[in-house]
C-alpha atoms as a PDB file:
ATOM      1  CA  MET A   1      85.717 -73.258  56.883  1.00  0.00           C
ATOM      2  CA  LYS A   2      88.738 -71.586  58.442  1.00  0.00           C
ATOM      3  CA  SER A   3      91.070 -72.826  61.155  1.00  0.00           C
ATOM      4  CA  LEU A   4      92.466 -70.974  64.133  1.00  0.00           C
ATOM      5  CA  THR A   5      95.636 -71.642  66.097  1.00  0.00           C
ATOM      6  CA  ILE A   6      95.946 -70.371  69.642  1.00  0.00           C
ATOM      7  CA  HIS A   7      99.496 -69.849  70.859  1.00  0.00           C
ATOM      8  CA  LYS A   8     100.901 -69.816  74.403  1.00  0.00           C
ATOM      9  CA  LEU A   9      97.983 -71.262  76.352  1.00  0.00           C
ATOM     10  CA  GLU A  10      98.723 -71.232  80.054  1.00  0.00           C
ATOM     11  CA  GLU A  11      98.939 -74.720  81.551  1.00  0.00           C
ATOM     12  CA  PRO A  12      96.024 -74.205  84.034  1.00  0.00           C
ATOM     13  CA  LEU A  13      93.741 -73.165  81.167  1.00  0.00           C
ATOM     14  CA  LEU A  14      94.803 -76.127  79.059  1.00  0.00           C
ATOM     15  CA  VAL A  15      94.140 -78.508  81.954  1.00  0.00           C
ATOM     16  CA  LEU A  16      90.641 -77.045  82.512  1.00  0.00           C
ATOM     17  CA  LEU A  17      89.816 -77.331  78.809  1.00  0.00           C
ATOM     18  CA  LYS A  18      90.984 -80.945  78.708  1.00  0.00           C
ATOM     19  CA  GLU A  19      88.975 -81.793  81.844  1.00  0.00           C
ATOM     20  CA  ARG A  20      85.851 -80.167  80.413  1.00  0.00           C
ATOM     21  CA  ALA A  21      86.219 -81.976  77.090  1.00  0.00           C
ATOM     22  CA  HIS A  22      86.711 -85.306  78.858  1.00  0.00           C
ATOM     23  CA  LYS A  23      83.786 -84.706  81.232  1.00  0.00           C
ATOM     24  CA  GLU A  24      81.458 -83.889  78.316  1.00  0.00           C
ATOM     25  CA  GLY A  25      82.828 -86.679  76.109  1.00  0.00           C
ATOM     26  CA  LYS A  26      83.886 -84.243  73.395  1.00  0.00           C
ATOM     27  CA  SER A  27      87.071 -83.400  71.556  1.00  0.00           C
ATOM     28  CA  MET A  28      89.136 -80.383  72.554  1.00  0.00           C
ATOM     29  CA  ASN A  29      88.286 -78.779  69.212  1.00  0.00           C
ATOM     30  CA  GLN A  30      84.539 -79.238  69.722  1.00  0.00           C
ATOM     31  CA  THR A  31      84.742 -77.982  73.303  1.00  0.00           C
ATOM     32  CA  VAL A  32      86.646 -74.811  72.362  1.00  0.00           C
ATOM     33  CA  LYS A  33      84.311 -74.126  69.415  1.00  0.00           C
ATOM     34  CA  GLU A  34      81.239 -74.428  71.647  1.00  0.00           C
ATOM     35  CA  LEU A  35      82.762 -72.152  74.292  1.00  0.00           C
ATOM     36  CA  ILE A  36      83.562 -69.504  71.678  1.00  0.00           C
ATOM     37  CA  GLU A  37      80.073 -69.786  70.129  1.00  0.00           C
ATOM     38  CA  THR A  38      78.500 -69.319  73.547  1.00  0.00           C
ATOM     39  CA  MET A  39      80.706 -66.373  74.498  1.00  0.00           C
ATOM     40  CA  VAL A  40      80.077 -64.429  71.263  1.00  0.00           C
ATOM     41  CA  GLY A  41      76.323 -65.041  71.480  1.00  0.00           C
ATOM     42  CA  MET A  42      75.906 -67.484  68.588  1.00  0.00           C
ATOM     43  CA  LYS A  43      74.720 -70.227  70.901  1.00  0.00           C
ATOM     44  CA  VAL A  44      72.574 -69.795  73.982  1.00  0.00           C
ATOM     45  CA  LYS A  45      73.857 -71.618  77.032  1.00  0.00           C
ATOM     46  CA  ARG A  46      71.231 -74.161  78.050  1.00  0.00           C
ATOM     47  CA  GLN A  47      70.393 -74.293  81.726  1.00  0.00           C
ATOM     48  CA  ASP A  48      68.647 -77.376  83.066  1.00  0.00           C
ATOM     49  CA  SER A  49      67.483 -75.606  86.206  1.00  0.00           C
ATOM     50  CA  ALA A  50      68.081 -72.545  88.332  1.00  0.00           C
ATOM     51  CA  THR A  51      70.779 -74.414  90.258  1.00  0.00           C
ATOM     52  CA  SER A  52      72.622 -75.918  87.289  1.00  0.00           C
ATOM     53  CA  GLU A  53      75.285 -73.202  87.387  1.00  0.00           C
ATOM     54  CA  PHE A  54      76.241 -74.228  90.927  1.00  0.00           C
ATOM     55  CA  LYS A  55      76.295 -77.998  90.471  1.00  0.00           C
ATOM     56  CA  ASP A  56      80.098 -78.131  90.234  1.00  0.00           C
ATOM     57  CA  LEU A  57      80.429 -76.134  93.441  1.00  0.00           C
ATOM     58  CA  CYS A  58      77.875 -78.096  95.417  1.00  0.00           C
ATOM     59  CA  GLY A  59      78.568 -81.577  94.229  1.00  0.00           C
ATOM     60  CA  VAL A  60      76.069 -84.351  93.878  1.00  0.00           C
ATOM     61  CA  TRP A  61      75.367 -86.949  96.531  1.00  0.00           C
ATOM     62  CA  SER A  62      74.789 -90.582  95.795  1.00  0.00           C
ATOM     63  CA  SER A  63      72.091 -92.514  97.650  1.00  0.00           C
ATOM     64  CA  LYS A  64      74.847 -93.995  99.817  1.00  0.00           C
ATOM     65  CA  ASP A  65      76.181 -90.515 100.653  1.00  0.00           C
ATOM     66  CA  LEU A  66      72.691 -89.393 101.688  1.00  0.00           C
ATOM     67  CA  ARG A  67      72.165 -92.445 103.923  1.00  0.00           C
ATOM     68  CA  GLU A  68      75.546 -91.893 105.609  1.00  0.00           C
ATOM     69  CA  PHE A  69      74.740 -88.228 106.206  1.00  0.00           C
ATOM     70  CA  GLU A  70      71.286 -88.987 107.596  1.00  0.00           C
ATOM     71  CA  ASN A  71      72.720 -91.672 109.891  1.00  0.00           C
ATOM     72  CA  ALA A  72      75.436 -89.318 111.136  1.00  0.00           C
ATOM     73  CA  THR A  73      73.071 -86.399 111.763  1.00  0.00           C
ATOM     74  CA  GLY A  74      69.983 -88.310 112.911  1.00  0.00           C
ATOM     75  CA  VAL A  75      70.725 -87.495 116.544  1.00  0.00           C
ATOM     76  CA  PHE A  76      69.944 -83.835 115.792  1.00  0.00           C
ATOM     77  CA  GLU A  77      66.350 -84.758 114.936  1.00  0.00           C
ATOM     78  CA  LYS A  78      65.606 -85.835 118.517  1.00  0.00           C
ATOM     79  CA  ILE A  79      64.431 -83.264 121.025  1.00  0.00           C
ATOM     80  CA  ASP A  80      65.671 -83.682 124.578  1.00  0.00           C
ATOM     81  CA  LYS A  81      62.970 -82.216 126.823  1.00  0.00           C
ATOM     82  CA  GLU A  82      65.531 -81.757 129.594  1.00  0.00           C
ATOM     83  CA  ASP A  83      67.270 -79.116 127.492  1.00  0.00           C
ATOM     84  CA  TRP A  84      64.082 -76.980 127.540  1.00  0.00           C
ATOM     85  CA  LYS A  85      63.488 -76.842 131.285  1.00  0.00           C
END
């Protein structure tokens, strides 16, 4: 098995790679290998659902977050008949 050295990685890229490795509980080496395998078509990227690609953008709410949101927006569920006269 051969090794590869990548020179002059930009700091933002290095930070993103480190964050991804940490988030997935993997080493930097394993993370970079998997990314390369996926990009060259050796490994198919697994998608849990149609929305999995957007999870990082949308975030995930805890049960507490949902309760707080519902409590804060509950007033919008009530119809004031006076507004419709």
